């Protein structure tokens, strides 16, 4: 099976188990440890652990088509649990370990999972105690079993949920014989369930079939030229496509080693690049920015790293130039979503200017169109609502036919919620979110354009332009900005900078708020709704309307 085919006729479990038979001692996985004694796992060891974990899960009543929620950090445990579920034919639902009772309870209820896997502790939280308290409060009525990983954990309990030590259970288990083992997931079965971030409402469950995930990973590998000889560094959360699909799944499908980083730290990542030779990484802007900052501060550049795919936002031109100069890496821009996987992607050989101003071009089979408010298709170069169809789009939200109907057009195209321009060259340029537009007295401000320009300001480390209420114009623009150490920035500085770039006065921010860092979700996406909420709480109507002067 070659990445060049664009399809994968076998299930991922079949591919991995076959590779373990062919290359039993080959390196499959490295889990980074802060102590330096990194865990290494061969292909034979990986499938043995997954087989034993599958025995444990079937013993808890998990069968084909059932969902198990794994609230684990990036880890070997998450990889083996995921493989075990695919071996059974069950559905893996990875979620962030940072989720608290409210969000986790929603995922458990919506998914119908009766088995949950959590760490004993992560970043100072005692997850088992929280889950048991949540269950006692009735927030997870279907939860029956709690698997706790890694290390020592509370003694097994007969309470609901019953607690079990994952490591001890796996060590005691025997792999099921061939005759007793479930058939496993078909390539056409649902294998993966993700929940949206919920930035615009209740988190929605997004199921994906195995063949969709296989195709998405292989099309990406084809565009980037990735093979089994690559090593994939996974720092983006595996509770999102960036880490799960374009990290773990991609590695397993290609047969390349994966280097798993549980918590992000740029210095630790750079040391891992030196020690384990990672060649590919995908993540949001902060990952790349932190690597560049660390190297500029004196750390050794990652010699083996060839390709970095940046997602979640357009690539600031200044950062792109710094990354190429300091890291020697080819940065590729991409666009996608939980519902669509990665739909557009630039190639390593693309011109730097194209990468900086677009979000790549469609992968094979992906069809895009841009429409106006009435649904009429617009021509190249026109901004409008981005819609998509093709082999990477999900079928519909879990248990929410109403939300599914709202998400698709009458002729079956997915409404992405993004505003975009399709360039005559075929490249896509995301210009904003339909719900992230600043409408200043009827004049819509191109948020992405202003943010892109400000990324080149010598004082600006990162910025976000958001709408603030105004009684006269409806909305005005407020710039939240994080600065480089020792730098300062006034509103007049921002306006002078934009004036120098000949940006129309109506697009200038009318307020600047300096913050230590922009709020981001674990996938790296700026949570602008938190910034807008802050401005709404502070808003008091001015007796004459206008509170800031840019007119």
Protein backbone atom coordinates (compact mmCIF):
# COMPACT_ATOMS: atom_id res chain seq x y z
CA UNK A 1 0.00 0.00 0.00
CA UNK A 2 1.55 3.29 -1.11
CA UNK A 3 0.70 6.84 -0.06
CA UNK A 4 0.62 7.67 -3.74
CA UNK A 5 -2.60 5.65 -4.22
CA UNK A 6 -4.71 8.09 -2.22
CA UNK A 7 -6.70 5.16 -0.81
CA UNK A 8 -6.17 2.49 1.83
CA UNK A 9 -8.12 -0.73 1.21
CA UNK A 10 -7.31 -2.24 4.61
CA UNK A 11 -8.21 -1.18 8.11
CA UNK A 12 -5.50 0.66 10.03
CA UNK A 13 -5.27 -2.25 12.47
CA UNK A 14 -4.55 -4.66 9.61
CA UNK A 15 -1.83 -2.35 8.31
CA UNK A 16 -0.14 -2.04 11.72
CA UNK A 17 -0.31 -5.72 12.60
CA UNK A 18 1.10 -6.66 9.19
CA UNK A 19 3.98 -4.22 9.69
CA UNK A 20 4.71 -5.68 13.11
CA UNK A 21 5.11 -9.05 11.45
CA UNK A 22 7.47 -7.66 8.83
CA UNK A 23 9.50 -5.28 11.06
CA UNK A 24 9.03 -6.51 14.64
CA UNK A 25 12.08 -4.71 16.04
CA UNK A 26 11.62 -1.46 14.09
CA UNK A 27 11.02 1.71 16.09
CA UNK A 28 7.31 2.53 16.18
CA UNK A 29 6.95 5.09 18.96
CA UNK A 30 8.89 7.31 21.33
CA UNK A 31 7.18 8.97 24.29
CA UNK A 32 9.19 11.91 25.57
CA UNK A 33 9.83 12.08 29.29
CA UNK A 34 10.91 15.20 31.14
CA UNK A 35 13.40 13.07 33.07
CA UNK A 36 15.14 12.18 29.81
CA UNK A 37 14.56 8.40 29.96
CA UNK A 38 12.25 8.43 26.96
CA UNK A 39 10.02 5.40 26.40
CA UNK A 40 10.67 3.54 23.14
CA UNK A 41 8.27 0.99 21.67
CA UNK A 42 8.93 -1.37 18.76
CA UNK A 43 6.25 -2.48 16.31
CA UNK A 44 6.06 -5.91 17.97
CA UNK A 45 5.75 -4.35 21.43
CA UNK A 46 3.10 -1.94 20.18
CA UNK A 47 0.78 -4.60 18.78
CA UNK A 48 1.34 -6.81 21.83
CA UNK A 49 0.27 -3.97 24.12
CA UNK A 50 -2.70 -3.19 21.87
CA UNK A 51 -3.78 -6.85 21.76
CA UNK A 52 -3.65 -7.06 25.56
CA UNK A 53 -5.52 -3.76 25.89
CA UNK A 54 -8.17 -5.08 23.50
CA UNK A 55 -8.62 -8.09 25.79
CA UNK A 56 -9.11 -5.76 28.76
CA UNK A 57 -11.66 -3.64 26.91
CA UNK A 58 -13.69 -6.58 25.63
CA UNK A 59 -13.71 -7.89 29.19
CA UNK A 60 -15.40 -4.62 30.20
CA UNK A 61 -18.09 -5.16 27.59
CA UNK A 62 -16.71 -3.02 24.76
CA UNK A 63 -17.76 -4.41 21.40
CA UNK A 64 -17.86 -3.40 17.74
CA UNK A 65 -19.43 0.00 17.15
CA UNK A 66 -19.26 1.09 20.79
CA UNK A 67 -17.44 4.25 21.83
CA UNK A 68 -14.74 4.58 24.47
CA UNK A 69 -13.70 8.07 25.60
CA UNK A 70 -9.99 8.58 26.28
CA UNK A 71 -9.17 11.78 28.19
CA UNK A 72 -5.42 11.27 27.99
CA UNK A 73 -2.48 13.51 27.13
CA UNK A 74 -0.33 12.64 24.13
CA UNK A 75 1.16 9.31 25.21
CA UNK A 76 1.92 5.72 24.33
CA UNK A 77 -1.17 4.79 26.36
CA UNK A 78 -3.41 6.81 24.07
CA UNK A 79 -1.86 5.17 21.00
CA UNK A 80 -2.31 1.63 22.34
CA UNK A 81 -5.87 2.28 23.53
CA UNK A 82 -6.74 3.69 20.12
CA UNK A 83 -5.22 0.71 18.31
CA UNK A 84 -6.98 -1.70 20.66
CA UNK A 85 -10.35 -0.12 19.90
CA UNK A 86 -9.70 -0.31 16.16
CA UNK A 87 -8.73 -3.96 16.62
CA UNK A 88 -12.07 -4.59 18.31
CA UNK A 89 -14.02 -2.58 15.76
CA UNK A 90 -15.00 -0.01 18.38
CA UNK A 91 -14.87 3.80 18.17
CA UNK A 92 -12.13 5.87 19.81
CA UNK A 93 -13.13 9.28 21.13
CA UNK A 94 -10.05 11.19 22.32
CA UNK A 95 -10.69 14.33 24.36
CA UNK A 96 -8.41 16.76 26.13
CA UNK A 97 -7.45 15.81 29.70
CA UNK A 98 -8.03 19.46 30.57
CA UNK A 99 -11.80 19.02 30.19
CA UNK A 100 -13.64 19.46 33.46
CA UNK A 101 -16.83 17.83 34.68
CA UNK A 102 -19.22 19.98 32.65
CA UNK A 103 -17.57 19.38 29.28
CA UNK A 104 -16.55 15.78 29.94
CA UNK A 105 -20.04 14.90 31.14
CA UNK A 106 -21.46 16.28 27.91
CA UNK A 107 -19.08 14.12 25.83
CA UNK A 108 -19.90 10.98 27.82
CA UNK A 109 -23.65 11.50 27.57
CA UNK A 110 -23.60 12.40 23.88
CA UNK A 111 -21.25 9.54 22.91
CA UNK A 112 -23.01 6.91 25.02
CA UNK A 113 -19.65 5.64 26.27
CA UNK A 114 -19.68 3.37 29.31
CA UNK A 115 -15.87 3.16 29.55
CA UNK A 116 -13.62 6.17 30.19
CA UNK A 117 -9.82 6.25 30.28
CA UNK A 118 -8.10 9.01 32.27
CA UNK A 119 -4.64 9.69 33.68
CA UNK A 120 -4.11 9.24 37.38
CA UNK A 121 -3.02 12.86 37.45
CA UNK A 122 -2.08 15.47 34.89
CA UNK A 123 -0.95 19.00 35.56
CA UNK A 124 -1.83 18.71 39.22
CA UNK A 125 -5.39 17.40 38.87
CA UNK A 126 -6.63 14.14 40.34
CA UNK A 127 -8.75 12.88 37.45
CA UNK A 128 -10.18 9.68 39.01
CA UNK A 129 -11.63 11.54 42.00
CA UNK A 130 -13.16 14.17 39.72
CA UNK A 131 -14.79 11.54 37.52
CA UNK A 132 -16.22 9.58 40.44
CA UNK A 133 -17.66 12.80 41.90
CA UNK A 134 -19.10 13.64 38.49
CA UNK A 135 -20.75 10.23 38.24
CA UNK A 136 -22.15 10.51 41.76
CA UNK A 137 -23.69 13.85 40.76
CA UNK A 138 -25.50 12.15 37.89
CA UNK A 139 -23.50 13.89 35.14
CA UNK A 140 -22.45 10.61 33.49
CA UNK A 141 -25.34 8.17 33.97
CA UNK A 142 -24.05 5.64 31.45
CA UNK A 143 -20.48 5.41 32.76
CA UNK A 144 -19.69 1.96 34.17
CA UNK A 145 -15.89 1.57 34.10
CA UNK A 146 -12.98 3.92 34.70
CA UNK A 147 -9.54 2.86 33.45
CA UNK A 148 -6.73 4.83 35.08
CA UNK A 149 -3.33 5.30 33.47
CA UNK A 150 -0.44 5.38 34.08
CA UNK A 151 1.37 4.16 37.16
CA UNK A 152 -0.16 3.73 40.57
CA UNK A 153 -3.80 4.53 41.06
CA UNK A 154 -6.56 3.98 43.61
CA UNK A 155 -7.40 0.41 44.48
CA UNK A 156 -10.04 -1.21 42.26
CA UNK A 157 -13.50 -0.28 43.41
CA UNK A 158 -16.92 -1.83 42.97
CA UNK A 159 -18.54 1.58 42.88
CA UNK A 160 -20.02 3.01 39.72
CA UNK A 161 -17.89 3.68 37.83
CA UNK A 162 -15.70 0.74 38.81
CA UNK A 163 -12.03 1.74 38.77
CA UNK A 164 -9.28 -0.34 37.19
CA UNK A 165 -5.52 0.10 36.86
CA UNK A 166 -4.88 0.11 33.14
CA UNK A 167 -1.21 -0.92 33.39
CA UNK A 168 -1.96 -3.79 35.77
CA UNK A 169 -4.90 -5.00 33.71
CA UNK A 170 -2.87 -4.94 30.50
CA UNK A 171 0.09 -6.72 32.11
CA UNK A 172 -2.21 -9.50 33.37
CA UNK A 173 -4.13 -9.88 30.12
CA UNK A 174 -3.36 -12.36 27.39
CA UNK A 175 -3.88 -11.43 23.76
CA UNK A 176 -7.00 -13.05 22.38
CA UNK A 177 -6.39 -15.92 20.03
CA UNK A 178 -7.17 -15.45 16.36
CA UNK A 179 -10.43 -17.36 16.69
CA UNK A 180 -11.57 -15.33 19.71
CA UNK A 181 -10.55 -11.93 18.39
CA UNK A 182 -13.29 -9.69 16.93
CA UNK A 183 -13.12 -9.11 13.21
CA UNK A 184 -12.06 -5.49 13.71
CA UNK A 185 -13.27 -2.30 12.12
CA UNK A 186 -14.07 -2.34 8.42
CA UNK A 187 -12.61 0.54 6.43
CA UNK A 188 -16.20 1.71 5.94
CA UNK A 189 -17.11 1.72 9.63
CA UNK A 190 -17.03 4.72 11.95
CA UNK A 191 -13.73 4.50 13.81
CA UNK A 192 -13.20 7.94 15.31
CA UNK A 193 -15.36 10.47 17.14
CA UNK A 194 -14.23 14.03 17.78
CA UNK A 195 -16.09 16.83 19.47
CA UNK A 196 -15.90 20.39 18.21
CA UNK A 197 -14.40 23.02 20.47
CA UNK A 198 -17.78 24.57 21.17
CA UNK A 199 -16.57 28.11 20.53
CA UNK A 200 -19.90 28.99 18.90
CA UNK A 201 -22.24 26.78 20.93
CA UNK A 202 -22.60 23.30 22.40
CA UNK A 203 -19.74 20.94 21.36
CA UNK A 204 -20.94 18.69 18.57
CA UNK A 205 -19.89 15.09 17.97
CA UNK A 206 -18.24 14.50 14.60
CA UNK A 207 -17.89 10.83 13.58
CA UNK A 208 -15.46 9.83 10.83
CA UNK A 209 -15.20 6.52 8.98
CA UNK A 210 -11.86 4.75 8.78
CA UNK A 211 -11.62 5.10 5.01
CA UNK A 212 -12.12 8.86 5.32
CA UNK A 213 -9.26 9.12 7.81
CA UNK A 214 -7.03 6.86 5.71
CA UNK A 215 -7.68 8.92 2.61
CA UNK A 216 -7.09 12.21 4.46
CA UNK A 217 -3.76 11.02 5.84
CA UNK A 218 -2.53 9.57 2.56
CA UNK A 219 -3.51 12.60 0.50
CA UNK A 220 -1.56 14.76 2.93
CA UNK A 221 1.44 12.46 2.77
CA UNK A 222 1.28 12.59 -1.01
CA UNK A 223 1.20 16.40 -1.12
CA UNK A 224 4.10 16.65 1.34
CA UNK A 225 6.17 13.76 0.04
CA UNK A 226 6.14 11.88 3.36
CA UNK A 227 7.17 8.19 3.52
CA UNK A 228 7.97 5.47 6.05
CA UNK A 229 11.45 6.98 6.35
CA UNK A 230 10.05 10.10 8.00
CA UNK A 231 9.68 10.57 11.73
CA UNK A 232 6.64 12.48 12.91
CA UNK A 233 6.91 14.74 15.94
CA UNK A 234 3.52 15.00 17.65
CA UNK A 235 3.12 17.94 20.01
CA UNK A 236 -0.31 19.15 18.90
CA UNK A 237 -3.05 17.54 21.03
CA UNK A 238 -4.10 14.09 19.89
CA UNK A 239 -7.63 15.06 20.92
CA UNK A 240 -7.71 17.03 17.64
CA UNK A 241 -7.03 16.12 14.03
CA UNK A 242 -3.63 17.87 14.17
CA UNK A 243 -2.23 15.36 16.64
CA UNK A 244 -4.45 12.30 16.14
CA UNK A 245 -4.96 12.16 12.38
CA UNK A 246 -1.90 14.05 11.11
CA UNK A 247 0.33 12.68 13.84
CA UNK A 248 -0.54 9.24 15.18
CA UNK A 249 -2.76 7.96 12.35
CA UNK A 250 -0.44 9.25 9.63
CA UNK A 251 2.59 7.62 11.30
CA UNK A 252 0.88 4.26 11.75
CA UNK A 253 -0.41 4.24 8.19
CA UNK A 254 2.97 5.12 6.66
CA UNK A 255 4.96 2.92 9.00
CA UNK A 256 7.03 5.84 10.24
CA UNK A 257 8.13 6.31 13.83
CA UNK A 258 6.17 8.83 15.91
CA UNK A 259 7.72 10.98 18.63
CA UNK A 260 4.99 11.82 21.11
CA UNK A 261 5.33 14.91 23.34
CA UNK A 262 2.82 14.95 26.24
CA UNK A 263 3.18 18.64 27.14
CA UNK A 264 4.51 21.42 24.97
CA UNK A 265 7.86 22.95 25.70
CA UNK A 266 9.95 24.30 22.84
CA UNK A 267 13.32 23.55 24.45
CA UNK A 268 12.25 19.95 25.15
CA UNK A 269 11.01 19.61 21.57
CA UNK A 270 14.30 20.88 20.15
CA UNK A 271 16.22 18.38 22.26
CA UNK A 272 13.93 15.62 20.96
CA UNK A 273 14.55 16.71 17.38
CA UNK A 274 18.29 16.32 17.99
CA UNK A 275 17.95 12.95 19.70
CA UNK A 276 15.23 11.32 17.61
CA UNK A 277 15.48 13.09 14.26
CA UNK A 278 11.91 14.23 13.74
CA UNK A 279 11.38 15.34 10.13
CA UNK A 280 7.73 16.46 10.10
CA UNK A 281 5.46 18.35 12.47
CA UNK A 282 2.01 19.86 12.24
CA UNK A 283 0.64 22.45 14.63
CA UNK A 284 -0.72 25.92 15.09
CA UNK A 285 1.19 29.18 15.01
CA UNK A 286 2.38 29.15 18.67
CA UNK A 287 4.32 25.91 18.18
CA UNK A 288 6.30 27.31 15.28
CA UNK A 289 6.70 30.70 16.92
CA UNK A 290 8.07 29.13 20.12
CA UNK A 291 10.57 27.02 18.16
CA UNK A 292 11.81 30.07 16.25
CA UNK A 293 12.06 32.15 19.44
CA UNK A 294 14.02 29.40 21.20
CA UNK A 295 16.52 29.06 18.34
CA UNK A 296 16.94 32.83 18.12
CA UNK A 297 17.64 32.80 21.87
CA UNK A 298 20.52 30.37 21.37
CA UNK A 299 19.07 26.85 21.12
CA UNK A 300 20.30 24.51 18.39
CA UNK A 301 18.14 24.40 15.29
CA UNK A 302 16.51 21.03 14.47
CA UNK A 303 18.70 19.74 11.66
CA UNK A 304 16.38 16.90 10.56
CA UNK A 305 13.11 18.87 10.55
CA UNK A 306 12.13 19.44 6.93
CA UNK A 307 8.43 20.30 6.90
CA UNK A 308 6.08 22.14 9.26
CA UNK A 309 2.39 22.34 8.40
CA UNK A 310 0.76 25.28 10.11
CA UNK A 311 -2.97 25.19 10.83
CA UNK A 312 -5.51 27.25 12.69
CA UNK A 313 -4.54 30.59 11.15
CA UNK A 314 -2.79 32.07 8.17
CA UNK A 315 0.99 32.16 8.31
CA UNK A 316 2.32 35.59 9.29
CA UNK A 317 4.82 36.63 6.65
CA UNK A 318 7.36 37.71 9.25
CA UNK A 319 7.16 34.34 11.03
CA UNK A 320 7.47 32.47 7.73
CA UNK A 321 10.70 34.29 6.91
CA UNK A 322 12.10 33.73 10.41
CA UNK A 323 11.23 30.02 10.35
CA UNK A 324 13.01 29.47 7.06
CA UNK A 325 16.03 31.46 8.16
CA UNK A 326 16.37 30.07 11.70
CA UNK A 327 15.01 26.53 11.39
CA UNK A 328 15.74 25.80 7.76
CA UNK A 329 12.24 24.35 7.49
CA UNK A 330 9.67 24.51 4.71
CA UNK A 331 6.43 25.86 6.15
CA UNK A 332 3.22 24.74 4.46
CA UNK A 333 -0.13 26.44 4.98
CA UNK A 334 -3.32 24.44 5.36
CA UNK A 335 -7.02 24.77 6.06
CA UNK A 336 -9.47 22.28 7.46
CA UNK A 337 -11.85 21.58 10.31
CA UNK A 338 -13.06 18.81 12.58
CA UNK A 339 -15.82 18.13 10.05
CA UNK A 340 -13.68 18.19 6.89
CA UNK A 341 -10.20 16.99 7.92
CA UNK A 342 -7.49 18.97 6.12
CA UNK A 343 -8.97 20.08 2.82
CA UNK A 344 -6.36 22.44 1.40
CA UNK A 345 -2.60 22.33 1.73
CA UNK A 346 0.38 23.98 0.10
CA UNK A 347 3.38 21.92 -0.99
CA UNK A 348 6.96 22.24 0.27
CA UNK A 349 8.09 23.51 -3.12
CA UNK A 350 5.48 26.30 -3.26
CA UNK A 351 6.71 29.88 -3.40
CA UNK A 352 7.01 31.58 0.00
CA UNK A 353 4.67 34.37 -1.04
CA UNK A 354 1.97 31.87 -1.97
CA UNK A 355 2.28 30.16 1.41
CA UNK A 356 2.11 33.49 3.22
CA UNK A 357 -1.00 34.82 1.52
CA UNK A 358 -3.09 31.67 0.97
CA UNK A 359 -4.14 28.54 2.82
CA UNK A 360 -3.05 26.08 0.19
CA UNK A 361 -4.87 24.40 -2.67
CA UNK A 362 -7.48 21.62 -2.51
CA UNK A 363 -6.37 18.04 -2.05
CA UNK A 364 -7.44 15.49 -4.63
CA UNK A 365 -11.22 15.08 -4.77
CA UNK A 366 -11.94 18.17 -2.63
CA UNK A 367 -14.32 20.67 -4.22
CA UNK A 368 -14.72 24.20 -2.91
CA UNK A 369 -17.04 27.05 -3.78
CA UNK A 370 -17.69 30.54 -2.44
CA UNK A 371 -21.24 31.89 -2.24
CA UNK A 372 -22.98 35.14 -1.36
CA UNK A 373 -25.59 35.55 1.38
CA UNK A 374 -28.32 34.23 -0.93
CA UNK A 375 -26.36 31.07 -1.78
CA UNK A 376 -25.39 32.11 -5.31
CA UNK A 377 -21.91 30.99 -6.33
CA UNK A 378 -19.34 33.74 -6.75
CA UNK A 379 -16.46 33.87 -9.17
CA UNK A 380 -12.74 33.68 -8.48
CA UNK A 381 -11.39 36.57 -6.48
CA UNK A 382 -14.69 37.34 -4.70
CA UNK A 383 -15.11 37.01 -0.95
CA UNK A 384 -18.02 34.99 0.36
CA UNK A 385 -19.10 31.96 2.37
CA UNK A 386 -16.89 28.91 1.90
CA UNK A 387 -18.63 25.60 1.14
CA UNK A 388 -17.07 22.20 0.54
CA UNK A 389 -17.88 18.74 -0.73
CA UNK A 390 -15.80 15.65 -1.45
CA UNK A 391 -14.46 12.46 0.15
CA UNK A 392 -13.15 14.04 3.36
CA UNK A 393 -16.40 15.58 4.64
CA UNK A 394 -18.19 13.93 7.57
CA UNK A 395 -21.71 12.55 7.13
CA UNK A 396 -23.40 14.45 9.96
CA UNK A 397 -23.31 15.32 13.65
CA UNK A 398 -23.82 12.55 16.18
CA UNK A 399 -27.47 12.37 17.20
CA UNK A 400 -28.26 15.89 15.93
CA UNK A 401 -30.15 15.73 12.67
CA UNK A 402 -31.20 19.35 13.19
CA UNK A 403 -27.61 20.60 13.32
CA UNK A 404 -26.67 18.38 10.39
CA UNK A 405 -29.48 19.82 8.26
CA UNK A 406 -28.35 23.34 9.14
CA UNK A 407 -24.71 22.53 8.28
CA UNK A 408 -25.40 21.33 4.73
CA UNK A 409 -26.87 23.11 1.72
CA UNK A 410 -29.88 21.60 -0.10
CA UNK A 411 -27.50 20.21 -2.74
CA UNK A 412 -25.23 18.58 -0.13
CA UNK A 413 -22.32 21.01 0.32
CA UNK A 414 -20.96 21.57 3.83
CA UNK A 415 -21.23 25.14 5.12
CA UNK A 416 -17.86 25.70 6.77
CA UNK A 417 -18.72 28.98 8.50
CA UNK A 418 -15.59 30.56 7.05
CA UNK A 419 -15.33 33.56 4.78
CA UNK A 420 -12.90 33.02 1.93
CA UNK A 421 -11.66 33.91 -1.53
CA UNK A 422 -10.82 31.34 -4.19
CA UNK A 423 -7.95 32.81 -6.15
CA UNK A 424 -7.78 32.41 -9.96
CA UNK A 425 -4.70 30.23 -9.33
CA UNK A 426 -6.88 27.72 -7.48
CA UNK A 427 -5.47 28.54 -4.06
CA UNK A 428 -7.76 29.26 -1.11
CA UNK A 429 -7.50 32.32 1.08
CA UNK A 430 -9.45 32.32 4.35
CA UNK A 431 -10.42 35.89 5.22
CA UNK A 432 -12.36 35.37 8.45
CA UNK A 433 -15.24 33.66 10.14
CA UNK A 434 -18.82 34.45 9.22
CA UNK A 435 -19.35 35.07 12.93
CA UNK A 436 -16.00 36.83 13.33
CA UNK A 437 -16.64 39.89 11.21
CA UNK A 438 -16.34 43.46 12.49
CA UNK A 439 -19.09 45.54 10.94
CA UNK A 440 -18.18 49.17 11.57
CA UNK A 441 -21.16 51.24 10.55
CA UNK A 442 -21.79 48.99 7.55
CA UNK A 443 -18.10 48.81 6.60
CA UNK A 444 -16.77 45.29 7.14
CA UNK A 445 -13.21 45.22 8.41
CA UNK A 446 -10.90 42.55 6.88
CA UNK A 447 -9.73 41.10 10.18
CA UNK A 448 -7.27 38.64 8.69
CA UNK A 449 -5.59 41.26 6.55
CA UNK A 450 -5.00 43.63 9.47
CA UNK A 451 -3.69 40.84 11.71
CA UNK A 452 -1.37 39.67 8.95
CA UNK A 453 0.12 43.13 8.56
CA UNK A 454 0.57 43.63 12.29
CA UNK A 455 2.47 40.34 12.57
CA UNK A 456 5.38 42.15 10.91
CA UNK A 457 5.44 44.97 13.52
CA UNK A 458 8.72 44.70 15.49
CA UNK A 459 6.93 44.92 18.85
CA UNK A 460 4.12 42.46 18.10
CA UNK A 461 4.52 38.81 19.03
CA UNK A 462 0.86 37.91 18.36
CA UNK A 463 -2.35 39.83 17.91
CA UNK A 464 -6.09 39.41 17.55
CA UNK A 465 -8.53 41.97 16.18
CA UNK A 466 -12.03 41.65 17.62
CA UNK A 467 -15.29 43.57 17.63
CA UNK A 468 -16.22 45.80 20.55
CA UNK A 469 -19.69 47.27 21.01
CA UNK A 470 -20.40 50.84 19.94
CA UNK A 471 -23.81 52.55 20.24
CA UNK A 472 -23.38 54.63 17.10
CA UNK A 473 -21.55 52.41 14.65
CA UNK A 474 -22.61 49.06 16.09
CA UNK A 475 -19.04 47.79 16.30
CA UNK A 476 -15.52 49.12 16.34
CA UNK A 477 -12.19 47.28 16.27
CA UNK A 478 -10.13 46.50 19.36
CA UNK A 479 -6.65 45.04 19.02
CA UNK A 480 -5.48 42.61 21.69
CA UNK A 481 -1.73 42.23 21.42
CA UNK A 482 1.09 40.31 23.14
CA UNK A 483 4.46 42.02 22.84
CA UNK A 484 8.06 40.92 22.72
CA UNK A 485 10.00 41.46 25.99
CA UNK A 486 10.99 45.05 26.54
CA UNK A 487 8.69 46.37 23.83
CA UNK A 488 5.77 48.77 24.13
CA UNK A 489 2.90 49.68 21.85
CA UNK A 490 0.44 52.54 21.83
CA UNK A 491 -2.67 53.01 19.73
CA UNK A 492 -0.92 55.78 17.82
CA UNK A 493 1.94 53.38 17.01
CA UNK A 494 -0.50 50.87 15.53
CA UNK A 495 -2.32 53.48 13.49
CA UNK A 496 0.95 54.99 12.23
CA UNK A 497 2.15 51.52 11.20
CA UNK A 498 -1.05 50.74 9.30
CA UNK A 499 -1.02 54.20 7.75
CA UNK A 500 2.47 53.44 6.48
CA UNK A 501 1.06 50.32 4.80
CA UNK A 502 -1.70 52.44 3.24
CA UNK A 503 -4.48 50.70 5.11
CA UNK A 504 -7.77 52.59 4.95
CA UNK A 505 -8.52 54.51 8.11
CA UNK A 506 -11.80 52.71 8.73
CA UNK A 507 -9.85 49.46 9.18
CA UNK A 508 -7.60 50.78 11.93
CA UNK A 509 -8.07 49.51 15.49
CA UNK A 510 -9.55 52.12 17.77
CA UNK A 511 -8.36 50.57 20.98
CA UNK A 512 -5.30 48.56 21.98
CA UNK A 513 -5.20 46.14 24.90
CA UNK A 514 -1.79 44.69 25.78
CA UNK A 515 -1.98 41.16 27.24
CA UNK A 516 0.60 38.61 28.29
CA UNK A 517 -0.73 36.05 25.81
CA UNK A 518 -3.81 35.54 23.69
CA UNK A 519 -6.30 32.97 25.00
CA UNK A 520 -6.11 29.83 22.89
CA UNK A 521 -7.75 26.43 22.99
CA UNK A 522 -5.42 23.40 23.21
CA UNK A 523 -5.34 23.16 19.42
CA UNK A 524 -3.84 26.66 19.31
CA UNK A 525 -6.86 28.50 17.95
CA UNK A 526 -7.34 31.99 19.39
CA UNK A 527 -10.53 32.08 21.47
CA UNK A 528 -11.80 35.42 20.26
CA UNK A 529 -15.15 34.88 21.92
CA UNK A 530 -13.41 35.32 25.30
CA UNK A 531 -11.95 38.63 24.16
CA UNK A 532 -15.32 39.78 22.83
CA UNK A 533 -16.97 38.78 26.12
CA UNK A 534 -14.40 40.83 28.03
CA UNK A 535 -15.18 43.90 25.93
CA UNK A 536 -18.93 43.43 26.31
CA UNK A 537 -18.57 43.25 30.09
CA UNK A 538 -16.57 46.49 30.10
CA UNK A 539 -18.89 48.31 27.73
CA UNK A 540 -20.85 51.30 29.04
CA UNK A 541 -22.61 53.51 26.49
CA UNK A 542 -21.03 56.89 25.95
CA UNK A 543 -23.59 59.72 26.05
CA UNK A 544 -22.54 60.86 22.58
CA UNK A 545 -21.98 57.40 21.16
CA UNK A 546 -18.40 57.38 19.92
CA UNK A 547 -15.85 56.38 22.56
CA UNK A 548 -12.77 56.24 20.36
CA UNK A 549 -11.60 58.45 17.54
CA UNK A 550 -10.66 57.18 14.12
CA UNK A 551 -13.10 59.19 12.03
